[in-house]
Amino acid sequence: MLKYLRLYFLSSTYFSPVEIETAPAEIELAPAGNGGHASPKTIEALEFYYGHYDAVQEYILKPGTKQVLGDETQRHCRFCEKCEPEVTFKTLAHALPEALGNKSLFSNYECDQCNHEFGIGIENHLGKWTKALRVLGRIRGKTGLAEVEERGGRGWKIRSHPTEGLKISAYEDNQIFEVDEDAKTVKLRIPVEPYIPLAVLKAFWKIALTLMPEDELVYFSDVRKWVRQKQHTAIGKITINQVFQPGPMPHDLIGLSLLLRKSDDKNLPYSFLVVRFGNLTVQVPVPSTQKDRSGDFEIPFYRYPDLLDPTVYGESKCSVLDLSSPNIHDSPIEITMHGELKATTRP
């Protein structure tokens, strides 16, 4: 029997299978109705970032807007470092992959060959890593709203609708969800397509290099080399911060920030990329052999400010993820969602 479930999404809590350490949020925005005053943890976090970092690039991407980085008349690829006519620039590259919902920010810094290689390589791995969350978050990519389904298309399927929420279907002997009707929760265990964590990390670095001021690129020569390597060889342990904010977050709003350290504290990474889309915020260190000290460094667990008040729909889940593995991963993700449920069955 095929069992159908439709969920009208209200809020959710997400736990990553590659989570290596969790911690409570270190920043709390003021609850609604308190007059807009920031909490002490918010003030502490803001003072930390203002004291140690400059936000050299900051974007809030919305539908209907368009911005192109770089000079159209003097194109030079930041990745292969070639110019016209040695390479072509016929395709307008996305500064952030379109799969994540970006239809606003583009780049003249990427030649057609590099654009193609990134698309079938590291950006493809990023797409696989984020696909389930993009479906649940109703993120509209290149081909519309994404779907996830069992290989072959004959088993379980999860798809989202712009107005009707999520529809999840599965055979009873091959379920990927557990329903608690009293608690109004659905626990999902979603298989993912095989991906390489290090390739996902490189895809984030590629975004950072696209946003990087021209005079700073010289400090990231290793990163430029790594993002173009088709073979993913271990380069040491590198972790990222991840925050999952429950609730119906805007599905068409994206936040991008690039931070550079202005203080002399070399225990902190020189550069950070922050990407916020749907319910997810990731904070990724961008290594610099010239500006960072050798060895592991401390990643600040002050959560970067949210696009919306995080207290409205429940506590955020903060975690540290290790994305430095060059090996293929395919562990499913587990998600518990709270919502108004409508479940039916049919033969």
C-alpha atoms as a PDB file:
ATOM      1  CA  MET A   1       0.000   0.000   0.000  1.00  0.00           C
ATOM      2  CA  LEU A   2       1.247   3.485  -0.862  1.00  0.00           C
ATOM      3  CA  LYS A   3       0.982   5.777   2.132  1.00  0.00           C
ATOM      4  CA  TYR A   4       0.704   9.517   1.475  1.00  0.00           C
ATOM      5  CA  LEU A   5       1.423  12.349   3.844  1.00  0.00           C
ATOM      6  CA  ARG A   6       1.010  16.055   3.256  1.00  0.00           C
ATOM      7  CA  LEU A   7       2.554  18.490   5.694  1.00  0.00           C
ATOM      8  CA  TYR A   8       1.816  22.196   5.959  1.00  0.00           C
ATOM      9  CA  PHE A   9       5.180  23.432   7.104  1.00  0.00           C
ATOM     10  CA  LEU A  10       5.258  25.477  10.331  1.00  0.00           C
ATOM     11  CA  SER A  11       8.648  24.795  11.885  1.00  0.00           C
ATOM     12  CA  SER A  12      11.387  22.219  11.968  1.00  0.00           C
ATOM     13  CA  THR A  13      14.512  21.037  13.721  1.00  0.00           C
ATOM     14  CA  TYR A  14      17.422  19.653  11.724  1.00  0.00           C
ATOM     15  CA  PHE A  15      20.225  17.341  12.764  1.00  0.00           C
ATOM     16  CA  SER A  16      23.109  16.614  10.391  1.00  0.00           C
ATOM     17  CA  PRO A  17      24.554  13.083  10.138  1.00  0.00           C
ATOM     18  CA  VAL A  18      28.096  14.483   9.832  1.00  0.00           C
ATOM     19  CA  GLU A  19      27.746  16.598  12.958  1.00  0.00           C
ATOM     20  CA  ILE A  20      30.863  16.292  15.103  1.00  0.00           C
ATOM     21  CA  GLU A  21      30.060  18.774  17.833  1.00  0.00           C
ATOM     22  CA  THR A  22      26.972  20.691  18.897  1.00  0.00           C
ATOM     23  CA  ALA A  23      26.546  23.731  21.057  1.00  0.00           C
ATOM     24  CA  PRO A  24      23.711  26.076  22.022  1.00  0.00           C
ATOM     25  CA  ALA A  25      23.390  29.282  20.081  1.00  0.00           C
ATOM     26  CA  GLU A  26      25.787  31.953  21.294  1.00  0.00           C
ATOM     27  CA  ILE A  27      23.691  34.799  19.990  1.00  0.00           C
ATOM     28  CA  GLU A  28      20.040  35.541  20.648  1.00  0.00           C
ATOM     29  CA  LEU A  29      18.165  38.347  19.014  1.00  0.00           C
ATOM     30  CA  ALA A  30      15.600  40.129  21.119  1.00  0.00           C
ATOM     31  CA  PRO A  31      12.200  38.382  21.341  1.00  0.00           C
ATOM     32  CA  ALA A  32       9.317  40.042  19.584  1.00  0.00           C
ATOM     33  CA  GLY A  33       7.563  42.595  21.693  1.00  0.00           C
ATOM     34  CA  ASN A  34      10.464  43.647  23.916  1.00  0.00           C
ATOM     35  CA  GLY A  35      10.870  46.997  22.250  1.00  0.00           C
ATOM     36  CA  GLY A  36      13.583  45.872  19.834  1.00  0.00           C
ATOM     37  CA  HIS A  37      16.337  45.804  22.456  1.00  0.00           C
ATOM     38  CA  ALA A  38      19.115  43.330  21.733  1.00  0.00           C
ATOM     39  CA  SER A  39      19.885  40.643  24.275  1.00  0.00           C
ATOM     40  CA  PRO A  40      23.277  40.605  26.048  1.00  0.00           C
ATOM     41  CA  LYS A  41      24.418  37.675  23.884  1.00  0.00           C
ATOM     42  CA  THR A  42      23.487  39.585  20.752  1.00  0.00           C
ATOM     43  CA  ILE A  43      25.480  42.592  21.893  1.00  0.00           C
ATOM     44  CA  GLU A  44      28.443  40.380  22.808  1.00  0.00           C
ATOM     45  CA  ALA A  45      28.402  38.727  19.380  1.00  0.00           C
ATOM     46  CA  LEU A  46      28.102  42.016  17.513  1.00  0.00           C
ATOM     47  CA  GLU A  47      30.969  43.486  19.529  1.00  0.00           C
ATOM     48  CA  PHE A  48      33.068  40.444  18.636  1.00  0.00           C
ATOM     49  CA  TYR A  49      32.497  40.813  14.894  1.00  0.00           C
ATOM     50  CA  TYR A  50      32.809  44.592  14.897  1.00  0.00           C
ATOM     51  CA  GLY A  51      36.033  44.288  16.877  1.00  0.00           C
ATOM     52  CA  HIS A  52      37.712  41.553  14.845  1.00  0.00           C
ATOM     53  CA  TYR A  53      36.264  41.640  11.322  1.00  0.00           C
ATOM     54  CA  ASP A  54      35.266  43.921   8.468  1.00  0.00           C
ATOM     55  CA  ALA A  55      32.323  42.845   6.323  1.00  0.00           C
ATOM     56  CA  VAL A  56      33.938  43.721   2.989  1.00  0.00           C
ATOM     57  CA  GLN A  57      31.015  42.302   1.004  1.00  0.00           C
ATOM     58  CA  GLU A  58      27.392  42.131   2.134  1.00  0.00           C
ATOM     59  CA  TYR A  59      24.418  41.188  -0.039  1.00  0.00           C
ATOM     60  CA  ILE A  60      20.744  40.507   0.558  1.00  0.00           C
ATOM     61  CA  LEU A  61      19.527  38.916  -2.660  1.00  0.00           C
ATOM     62  CA  LYS A  62      15.872  39.270  -3.607  1.00  0.00           C
ATOM     63  CA  PRO A  63      13.920  38.241  -6.711  1.00  0.00           C
ATOM     64  CA  GLY A  64      13.618  40.859  -9.415  1.00  0.00           C
ATOM     65  CA  THR A  65      17.015  42.460  -8.838  1.00  0.00           C
ATOM     66  CA  LYS A  66      20.221  41.943 -10.797  1.00  0.00           C
ATOM     67  CA  GLN A  67      23.806  42.852 -10.049  1.00  0.00           C
ATOM     68  CA  VAL A  68      26.913  41.827 -11.987  1.00  0.00           C
ATOM     69  CA  LEU A  69      30.349  41.791 -10.362  1.00  0.00           C
ATOM     70  CA  GLY A  70      33.362  42.859 -12.399  1.00  0.00           C
ATOM     71  CA  ASP A  71      34.051  44.845 -15.552  1.00  0.00           C
ATOM     72  CA  GLU A  72      32.386  43.481 -18.675  1.00  0.00           C
ATOM     73  CA  THR A  73      34.934  45.144 -20.950  1.00  0.00           C
ATOM     74  CA  GLN A  74      38.093  43.764 -19.294  1.00  0.00           C
ATOM     75  CA  ARG A  75      37.332  40.204 -18.340  1.00  0.00           C
ATOM     76  CA  HIS A  76      39.905  38.152 -16.509  1.00  0.00           C
ATOM     77  CA  CYS A  77      39.102  34.757 -14.982  1.00  0.00           C
ATOM     78  CA  ARG A  78      39.979  34.664 -11.292  1.00  0.00           C
ATOM     79  CA  PHE A  79      40.323  30.903 -11.286  1.00  0.00           C
ATOM     80  CA  CYS A  80      42.441  29.917 -14.294  1.00  0.00           C
ATOM     81  CA  GLU A  81      43.832  33.495 -14.488  1.00  0.00           C
ATOM     82  CA  LYS A  82      43.343  33.639 -18.261  1.00  0.00           C
ATOM     83  CA  CYS A  83      41.941  36.513 -20.326  1.00  0.00           C
ATOM     84  CA  GLU A  84      40.199  36.929 -23.674  1.00  0.00           C
ATOM     85  CA  PRO A  85      40.847  35.757 -26.357  1.00  0.00           C
ATOM     86  CA  GLU A  86      42.557  32.765 -24.727  1.00  0.00           C
ATOM     87  CA  VAL A  87      39.267  31.951 -22.995  1.00  0.00           C
ATOM     88  CA  THR A  88      35.670  33.012 -23.648  1.00  0.00           C
ATOM     89  CA  PHE A  89      33.093  34.665 -21.393  1.00  0.00           C
ATOM     90  CA  LYS A  90      29.851  33.991 -23.271  1.00  0.00           C
ATOM     91  CA  THR A  91      28.007  32.628 -20.230  1.00  0.00           C
ATOM     92  CA  LEU A  92      27.157  35.022 -17.419  1.00  0.00           C
ATOM     93  CA  ALA A  93      28.253  33.084 -14.337  1.00  0.00           C
ATOM     94  CA  HIS A  94      26.294  32.982 -11.086  1.00  0.00           C
ATOM     95  CA  ALA A  95      28.260  34.339  -8.123  1.00  0.00           C
ATOM     96  CA  LEU A  96      26.289  31.880  -5.988  1.00  0.00           C
ATOM     97  CA  PRO A  97      24.937  28.706  -7.623  1.00  0.00           C
ATOM     98  CA  GLU A  98      21.429  29.064  -9.011  1.00  0.00           C
ATOM     99  CA  ALA A  99      20.508  25.811  -7.259  1.00  0.00           C
ATOM    100  CA  LEU A 100      20.593  27.715  -3.951  1.00  0.00           C
ATOM    101  CA  GLY A 101      18.013  30.157  -5.285  1.00  0.00           C
ATOM    102  CA  ASN A 102      20.316  32.863  -6.654  1.00  0.00           C
ATOM    103  CA  LYS A 103      18.772  34.680  -9.592  1.00  0.00           C
ATOM    104  CA  SER A 104      20.190  38.102  -8.734  1.00  0.00           C
ATOM    105  CA  LEU A 105      23.992  38.126  -8.345  1.00  0.00           C
ATOM    106  CA  PHE A 106      26.264  37.334 -11.299  1.00  0.00           C
ATOM    107  CA  SER A 107      29.968  37.546 -12.073  1.00  0.00           C
ATOM    108  CA  ASN A 108      32.274  38.522 -14.928  1.00  0.00           C
ATOM    109  CA  TYR A 109      35.170  36.876 -13.091  1.00  0.00           C
ATOM    110  CA  GLU A 110      34.598  33.355 -14.437  1.00  0.00           C
ATOM    111  CA  CYS A 111      35.382  32.069 -17.929  1.00  0.00           C
ATOM    112  CA  ASP A 112      33.175  29.583 -19.747  1.00  0.00           C
ATOM    113  CA  GLN A 113      35.543  26.651 -19.229  1.00  0.00           C
ATOM    114  CA  CYS A 114      35.841  27.185 -15.465  1.00  0.00           C
ATOM    115  CA  ASN A 115      32.086  27.762 -15.251  1.00  0.00           C
ATOM    116  CA  HIS A 116      31.485  24.411 -16.942  1.00  0.00           C
ATOM    117  CA  GLU A 117      34.018  22.550 -14.795  1.00  0.00           C
ATOM    118  CA  PHE A 118      32.594  23.990 -11.569  1.00  0.00           C
ATOM    119  CA  GLY A 119      29.050  23.143 -12.658  1.00  0.00           C
ATOM    120  CA  ILE A 120      29.762  19.447 -13.231  1.00  0.00           C
ATOM    121  CA  GLY A 121      32.219  19.272 -10.334  1.00  0.00           C
ATOM    122  CA  ILE A 122      32.239  21.024  -6.970  1.00  0.00           C
ATOM    123  CA  GLU A 123      28.933  22.857  -7.446  1.00  0.00           C
ATOM    124  CA  ASN A 124      27.277  19.540  -8.277  1.00  0.00           C
ATOM    125  CA  HIS A 125      28.466  18.177  -4.908  1.00  0.00           C
ATOM    126  CA  LEU A 126      27.153  21.296  -3.158  1.00  0.00           C
ATOM    127  CA  GLY A 127      23.805  20.739  -4.848  1.00  0.00           C
ATOM    128  CA  LYS A 128      23.625  17.151  -3.598  1.00  0.00           C
ATOM    129  CA  TRP A 129      24.616  18.183  -0.056  1.00  0.00           C
ATOM    130  CA  THR A 130      21.873  20.828   0.121  1.00  0.00           C
ATOM    131  CA  LYS A 131      19.147  19.216  -1.982  1.00  0.00           C
ATOM    132  CA  ALA A 132      16.945  17.803   0.778  1.00  0.00           C
ATOM    133  CA  LEU A 133      16.987  21.090   2.672  1.00  0.00           C
ATOM    134  CA  ARG A 134      16.267  23.015  -0.517  1.00  0.00           C
ATOM    135  CA  VAL A 135      13.193  20.865  -1.076  1.00  0.00           C
ATOM    136  CA  LEU A 136      11.973  21.346   2.487  1.00  0.00           C
ATOM    137  CA  GLY A 137      12.762  25.064   2.332  1.00  0.00           C
ATOM    138  CA  ARG A 138      10.948  25.513  -1.032  1.00  0.00           C
ATOM    139  CA  ILE A 139      14.078  26.959  -2.642  1.00  0.00           C
ATOM    140  CA  ARG A 140      13.486  27.589  -6.338  1.00  0.00           C
ATOM    141  CA  GLY A 141      16.536  26.642  -8.414  1.00  0.00           C
ATOM    142  CA  LYS A 142      17.306  26.502 -12.126  1.00  0.00           C
ATOM    143  CA  THR A 143      14.470  24.074 -12.934  1.00  0.00           C
ATOM    144  CA  GLY A 144      11.983  25.268 -10.321  1.00  0.00           C
ATOM    145  CA  LEU A 145      11.250  23.596  -7.001  1.00  0.00           C
ATOM    146  CA  ALA A 146      13.492  20.598  -6.404  1.00  0.00           C
ATOM    147  CA  GLU A 147      12.273  17.095  -5.577  1.00  0.00           C
ATOM    148  CA  VAL A 148      13.983  14.175  -3.900  1.00  0.00           C
ATOM    149  CA  GLU A 149      12.964  10.624  -4.628  1.00  0.00           C
ATOM    150  CA  GLU A 150      14.181   7.060  -4.441  1.00  0.00           C
ATOM    151  CA  ARG A 151      16.501   6.111  -7.261  1.00  0.00           C
ATOM    152  CA  GLY A 152      14.493   4.932 -10.220  1.00  0.00           C
ATOM    153  CA  GLY A 153      11.490   7.052  -9.241  1.00  0.00           C
ATOM    154  CA  ARG A 154       9.347   4.078  -8.140  1.00  0.00           C
ATOM    155  CA  GLY A 155       9.428   4.462  -4.342  1.00  0.00           C
ATOM    156  CA  TRP A 156       9.317   7.328  -1.864  1.00  0.00           C
ATOM    157  CA  LYS A 157       9.188  10.948  -3.005  1.00  0.00           C
ATOM    158  CA  ILE A 158       9.313  14.366  -1.341  1.00  0.00           C
ATOM    159  CA  ARG A 159       8.184  17.435  -3.210  1.00  0.00           C
ATOM    160  CA  SER A 160       7.113  20.920  -2.211  1.00  0.00           C
ATOM    161  CA  HIS A 161       4.379  23.172  -3.525  1.00  0.00           C
ATOM    162  CA  PRO A 162       4.454  26.992  -3.417  1.00  0.00           C
ATOM    163  CA  THR A 163       1.133  27.185  -1.524  1.00  0.00           C
ATOM    164  CA  GLU A 164       0.269  23.669  -0.342  1.00  0.00           C
ATOM    165  CA  GLY A 165       3.459  22.893   1.566  1.00  0.00           C
ATOM    166  CA  LEU A 166       5.202  19.516   1.420  1.00  0.00           C
ATOM    167  CA  LYS A 167       3.896  16.255   0.041  1.00  0.00           C
ATOM    168  CA  ILE A 168       5.695  13.098   1.126  1.00  0.00           C
ATOM    169  CA  SER A 169       4.776   9.674  -0.216  1.00  0.00           C
ATOM    170  CA  ALA A 170       6.214   6.225   0.398  1.00  0.00           C
ATOM    171  CA  TYR A 171       5.269   2.557   0.427  1.00  0.00           C
ATOM    172  CA  GLU A 172       4.499   1.265   3.898  1.00  0.00           C
ATOM    173  CA  ASP A 173       7.294  -1.288   3.681  1.00  0.00           C
ATOM    174  CA  ASN A 174       9.782   1.417   2.639  1.00  0.00           C
ATOM    175  CA  GLN A 175       8.873   4.458   4.714  1.00  0.00           C
ATOM    176  CA  ILE A 176      11.217   7.355   5.261  1.00  0.00           C
ATOM    177  CA  PHE A 177       9.004   9.083   7.820  1.00  0.00           C
ATOM    178  CA  GLU A 178       7.435   8.505  11.236  1.00  0.00           C
ATOM    179  CA  VAL A 179       4.295  10.419  12.173  1.00  0.00           C
ATOM    180  CA  ASP A 180       3.307  11.386  15.719  1.00  0.00           C
ATOM    181  CA  GLU A 181      -0.199  12.755  15.255  1.00  0.00           C
ATOM    182  CA  ASP A 182      -0.586  13.747  18.910  1.00  0.00           C
ATOM    183  CA  ALA A 183       2.607  15.804  18.879  1.00  0.00           C
ATOM    184  CA  LYS A 184       1.967  16.927  15.286  1.00  0.00           C
ATOM    185  CA  THR A 185       5.476  15.930  14.264  1.00  0.00           C
ATOM    186  CA  VAL A 186       7.001  14.086  11.362  1.00  0.00           C
ATOM    187  CA  LYS A 187      10.459  12.574  11.616  1.00  0.00           C
ATOM    188  CA  LEU A 188      12.153  12.189   8.239  1.00  0.00           C
ATOM    189  CA  ARG A 189      15.194  10.129   7.382  1.00  0.00           C
ATOM    190  CA  ILE A 190      16.127  11.253   3.886  1.00  0.00           C
ATOM    191  CA  PRO A 191      18.746   9.406   1.812  1.00  0.00           C
ATOM    192  CA  VAL A 192      21.091  11.687  -0.090  1.00  0.00           C
ATOM    193  CA  GLU A 193      22.971  11.294  -3.337  1.00  0.00           C
ATOM    194  CA  PRO A 194      26.663  10.465  -2.816  1.00  0.00           C
ATOM    195  CA  TYR A 195      28.804  13.582  -2.424  1.00  0.00           C
ATOM    196  CA  ILE A 196      32.349  14.478  -1.374  1.00  0.00           C
ATOM    197  CA  PRO A 197      32.480  16.835   1.651  1.00  0.00           C
ATOM    198  CA  LEU A 198      35.749  18.430   0.504  1.00  0.00           C
ATOM    199  CA  ALA A 199      34.141  19.243  -2.853  1.00  0.00           C
ATOM    200  CA  VAL A 200      31.281  20.955  -0.994  1.00  0.00           C
ATOM    201  CA  LEU A 201      33.840  22.981   0.948  1.00  0.00           C
ATOM    202  CA  LYS A 202      35.593  23.980  -2.277  1.00  0.00           C
ATOM    203  CA  ALA A 203      32.271  25.144  -3.731  1.00  0.00           C
ATOM    204  CA  PHE A 204      31.899  27.546  -0.804  1.00  0.00           C
ATOM    205  CA  TRP A 205      35.489  28.735  -1.328  1.00  0.00           C
ATOM    206  CA  LYS A 206      34.717  29.382  -4.974  1.00  0.00           C
ATOM    207  CA  ILE A 207      31.883  31.696  -3.862  1.00  0.00           C
ATOM    208  CA  ALA A 208      34.279  33.461  -1.480  1.00  0.00           C
ATOM    209  CA  LEU A 209      36.857  33.997  -4.234  1.00  0.00           C
ATOM    210  CA  THR A 210      34.158  35.466  -6.461  1.00  0.00           C
ATOM    211  CA  LEU A 211      33.270  38.018  -3.772  1.00  0.00           C
ATOM    212  CA  MET A 212      36.868  38.701  -2.688  1.00  0.00           C
ATOM    213  CA  PRO A 213      38.271  42.220  -3.273  1.00  0.00           C
ATOM    214  CA  GLU A 214      40.845  42.158  -6.075  1.00  0.00           C
ATOM    215  CA  ASP A 215      43.757  43.226  -3.883  1.00  0.00           C
ATOM    216  CA  GLU A 216      43.069  40.383  -1.411  1.00  0.00           C
ATOM    217  CA  LEU A 217      43.235  37.527  -3.919  1.00  0.00           C
ATOM    218  CA  VAL A 218      47.010  37.303  -3.608  1.00  0.00           C
ATOM    219  CA  TYR A 219      46.540  35.935  -0.071  1.00  0.00           C
ATOM    220  CA  PHE A 220      44.435  32.995  -1.278  1.00  0.00           C
ATOM    221  CA  SER A 221      46.628  31.390  -3.933  1.00  0.00           C
ATOM    222  CA  ASP A 222      46.259  27.917  -2.399  1.00  0.00           C
ATOM    223  CA  VAL A 223      42.469  28.170  -2.342  1.00  0.00           C
ATOM    224  CA  ARG A 224      42.451  29.220  -5.998  1.00  0.00           C
ATOM    225  CA  LYS A 225      44.512  26.132  -6.801  1.00  0.00           C
ATOM    226  CA  TRP A 226      42.363  23.799  -4.694  1.00  0.00           C
ATOM    227  CA  VAL A 227      38.993  24.806  -6.174  1.00  0.00           C
ATOM    228  CA  ARG A 228      40.199  23.904  -9.689  1.00  0.00           C
ATOM    229  CA  GLN A 229      41.611  20.496  -8.767  1.00  0.00           C
ATOM    230  CA  LYS A 230      39.391  17.709 -10.066  1.00  0.00           C
ATOM    231  CA  GLN A 231      40.987  15.165  -7.754  1.00  0.00           C
ATOM    232  CA  HIS A 232      40.109  15.880  -4.134  1.00  0.00           C
ATOM    233  CA  THR A 233      43.198  15.242  -2.026  1.00  0.00           C
ATOM    234  CA  ALA A 234      43.116  15.751   1.740  1.00  0.00           C
ATOM    235  CA  ILE A 235      44.407  19.175   2.790  1.00  0.00           C
ATOM    236  CA  GLY A 236      43.919  18.932   6.559  1.00  0.00           C
ATOM    237  CA  LYS A 237      41.008  19.262   8.943  1.00  0.00           C
ATOM    238  CA  ILE A 238      38.694  22.178   8.187  1.00  0.00           C
ATOM    239  CA  THR A 239      35.369  22.687   9.933  1.00  0.00           C
ATOM    240  CA  ILE A 240      32.466  25.024   9.314  1.00  0.00           C
ATOM    241  CA  ASN A 241      29.758  26.432  11.557  1.00  0.00           C
ATOM    242  CA  GLN A 242      26.175  25.594  10.660  1.00  0.00           C
ATOM    243  CA  VAL A 243      22.967  27.035  12.097  1.00  0.00           C
ATOM    244  CA  PHE A 244      19.515  25.691  11.299  1.00  0.00           C
ATOM    245  CA  GLN A 245      16.709  28.102  12.104  1.00  0.00           C
ATOM    246  CA  PRO A 246      13.281  26.445  12.497  1.00  0.00           C
ATOM    247  CA  GLY A 247      10.152  27.935  11.058  1.00  0.00           C
ATOM    248  CA  PRO A 248       8.853  29.145   7.687  1.00  0.00           C
ATOM    249  CA  MET A 249      11.843  31.196   6.612  1.00  0.00           C
ATOM    250  CA  PRO A 250      11.654  33.247   3.385  1.00  0.00           C
ATOM    251  CA  HIS A 251      12.337  30.855   0.508  1.00  0.00           C
ATOM    252  CA  ASP A 252      13.387  33.618  -1.899  1.00  0.00           C
ATOM    253  CA  LEU A 253      15.751  35.595   0.332  1.00  0.00           C
ATOM    254  CA  ILE A 254      19.514  34.946   0.397  1.00  0.00           C
ATOM    255  CA  GLY A 255      22.180  36.537   2.567  1.00  0.00           C
ATOM    256  CA  LEU A 256      25.856  36.652   1.551  1.00  0.00           C
ATOM    257  CA  SER A 257      28.671  38.086   3.651  1.00  0.00           C
ATOM    258  CA  LEU A 258      32.444  38.033   3.252  1.00  0.00           C
ATOM    259  CA  LEU A 259      34.451  38.923   6.339  1.00  0.00           C
ATOM    260  CA  LEU A 260      38.149  39.777   6.623  1.00  0.00           C
ATOM    261  CA  ARG A 261      39.960  39.918   9.941  1.00  0.00           C
ATOM    262  CA  LYS A 262      41.101  43.406  10.921  1.00  0.00           C
ATOM    263  CA  SER A 263      42.489  42.526  14.345  1.00  0.00           C
ATOM    264  CA  ASP A 264      45.921  41.020  14.997  1.00  0.00           C
ATOM    265  CA  ASP A 265      44.469  37.898  16.648  1.00  0.00           C
ATOM    266  CA  LYS A 266      45.832  35.119  14.425  1.00  0.00           C
ATOM    267  CA  ASN A 267      43.973  32.508  16.460  1.00  0.00           C
ATOM    268  CA  LEU A 268      40.985  33.557  14.356  1.00  0.00           C
ATOM    269  CA  PRO A 269      40.627  32.778  10.635  1.00  0.00           C
ATOM    270  CA  TYR A 270      41.587  35.673   8.377  1.00  0.00           C
ATOM    271  CA  SER A 271      38.488  35.281   6.216  1.00  0.00           C
ATOM    272  CA  PHE A 272      34.953  33.950   6.570  1.00  0.00           C
ATOM    273  CA  LEU A 273      32.178  33.389   4.076  1.00  0.00           C
ATOM    274  CA  VAL A 274      28.633  33.435   5.462  1.00  0.00           C
ATOM    275  CA  VAL A 275      25.788  32.089   3.308  1.00  0.00           C
ATOM    276  CA  ARG A 276      22.175  32.214   4.487  1.00  0.00           C
ATOM    277  CA  PHE A 277      19.383  30.597   2.472  1.00  0.00           C
ATOM    278  CA  GLY A 278      16.115  29.032   3.560  1.00  0.00           C
ATOM    279  CA  ASN A 279      16.519  27.702   7.089  1.00  0.00           C
ATOM    280  CA  LEU A 280      20.277  27.257   6.844  1.00  0.00           C
ATOM    281  CA  THR A 281      23.224  29.512   7.651  1.00  0.00           C
ATOM    282  CA  VAL A 282      26.773  28.281   7.040  1.00  0.00           C
ATOM    283  CA  GLN A 283      29.917  30.072   8.152  1.00  0.00           C
ATOM    284  CA  VAL A 284      32.983  28.855   6.264  1.00  0.00           C
ATOM    285  CA  PRO A 285      36.623  29.788   6.953  1.00  0.00           C
ATOM    286  CA  VAL A 286      38.608  30.622   3.812  1.00  0.00           C
ATOM    287  CA  PRO A 287      42.243  29.589   4.465  1.00  0.00           C
ATOM    288  CA  SER A 288      45.131  31.951   3.768  1.00  0.00           C
ATOM    289  CA  THR A 289      48.668  30.617   4.117  1.00  0.00           C
ATOM    290  CA  GLN A 290      49.938  34.193   4.258  1.00  0.00           C
ATOM    291  CA  LYS A 291      47.488  35.571   6.821  1.00  0.00           C
ATOM    292  CA  ASP A 292      46.588  32.562   8.983  1.00  0.00           C
ATOM    293  CA  ARG A 293      48.937  30.921  11.428  1.00  0.00           C
ATOM    294  CA  SER A 294      49.822  27.294  10.723  1.00  0.00           C
ATOM    295  CA  GLY A 295      47.872  24.509  12.386  1.00  0.00           C
ATOM    296  CA  ASP A 296      44.284  24.429  13.578  1.00  0.00           C
ATOM    297  CA  PHE A 297      42.689  27.679  14.623  1.00  0.00           C
ATOM    298  CA  GLU A 298      39.643  28.488  16.687  1.00  0.00           C
ATOM    299  CA  ILE A 299      36.396  29.118  14.848  1.00  0.00           C
ATOM    300  CA  PRO A 300      34.276  31.608  16.792  1.00  0.00           C
ATOM    301  CA  PHE A 301      30.908  30.157  17.702  1.00  0.00           C
ATOM    302  CA  TYR A 302      29.229  33.502  17.813  1.00  0.00           C
ATOM    303  CA  ARG A 303      26.383  32.991  15.442  1.00  0.00           C
ATOM    304  CA  TYR A 304      26.340  35.483  12.622  1.00  0.00           C
ATOM    305  CA  PRO A 305      23.187  37.665  12.786  1.00  0.00           C
ATOM    306  CA  ASP A 306      20.091  36.098  11.271  1.00  0.00           C
ATOM    307  CA  LEU A 307      17.963  37.558   8.521  1.00  0.00           C
ATOM    308  CA  LEU A 308      14.948  37.224  10.846  1.00  0.00           C
ATOM    309  CA  ASP A 309      14.398  37.098  14.596  1.00  0.00           C
ATOM    310  CA  PRO A 310      15.368  33.504  15.517  1.00  0.00           C
ATOM    311  CA  THR A 311      13.240  33.432  18.688  1.00  0.00           C
ATOM    312  CA  VAL A 312       9.894  33.418  16.899  1.00  0.00           C
ATOM    313  CA  TYR A 313       9.769  29.750  15.836  1.00  0.00           C
ATOM    314  CA  GLY A 314      11.994  28.123  18.426  1.00  0.00           C
ATOM    315  CA  GLU A 315      15.637  27.658  19.298  1.00  0.00           C
ATOM    316  CA  SER A 316      18.160  27.390  16.489  1.00  0.00           C
ATOM    317  CA  LYS A 317      20.377  24.333  16.236  1.00  0.00           C
ATOM    318  CA  CYS A 318      24.065  25.161  15.974  1.00  0.00           C
ATOM    319  CA  SER A 319      26.733  22.662  15.009  1.00  0.00           C
ATOM    320  CA  VAL A 320      30.298  22.310  13.810  1.00  0.00           C
ATOM    321  CA  LEU A 321      30.715  20.166  10.705  1.00  0.00           C
ATOM    322  CA  ASP A 322      33.896  18.640   9.331  1.00  0.00           C
ATOM    323  CA  LEU A 323      33.818  18.995   5.540  1.00  0.00           C
ATOM    324  CA  SER A 324      37.459  18.147   4.931  1.00  0.00           C
ATOM    325  CA  SER A 325      36.982  14.501   3.946  1.00  0.00           C
ATOM    326  CA  PRO A 326      37.963  13.632   0.336  1.00  0.00           C
ATOM    327  CA  ASN A 327      35.910  10.429   0.513  1.00  0.00           C
ATOM    328  CA  ILE A 328      32.388   9.845  -0.776  1.00  0.00           C
ATOM    329  CA  HIS A 329      29.614  10.240   1.798  1.00  0.00           C
ATOM    330  CA  ASP A 330      25.986   9.199   1.451  1.00  0.00           C
ATOM    331  CA  SER A 331      24.643   9.124   5.012  1.00  0.00           C
ATOM    332  CA  PRO A 332      20.983  10.185   5.219  1.00  0.00           C
ATOM    333  CA  ILE A 333      19.931  13.306   7.049  1.00  0.00           C
ATOM    334  CA  GLU A 334      17.389  13.253   9.869  1.00  0.00           C
ATOM    335  CA  ILE A 335      14.840  16.021  10.219  1.00  0.00           C
ATOM    336  CA  THR A 336      11.980  16.444  12.688  1.00  0.00           C
ATOM    337  CA  MET A 337       9.252  18.839  11.625  1.00  0.00           C
ATOM    338  CA  HIS A 338       6.274  20.243  13.474  1.00  0.00           C
ATOM    339  CA  GLY A 339       3.193  21.190  11.542  1.00  0.00           C
ATOM    340  CA  GLU A 340      -0.436  20.693  10.655  1.00  0.00           C
ATOM    341  CA  LEU A 341      -0.595  17.197   9.209  1.00  0.00           C
ATOM    342  CA  LYS A 342      -2.987  15.656   6.684  1.00  0.00           C
ATOM    343  CA  ALA A 343      -2.290  11.991   5.982  1.00  0.00           C
ATOM    344  CA  THR A 344      -4.234   9.651   3.690  1.00  0.00           C
ATOM    345  CA  THR A 345      -3.704   6.182   2.303  1.00  0.00           C
ATOM    346  CA  ARG A 346      -4.845   4.430  -0.822  1.00  0.00           C
ATOM    347  CA  PRO A 347      -4.214   0.981  -2.308  1.00  0.00           C
END
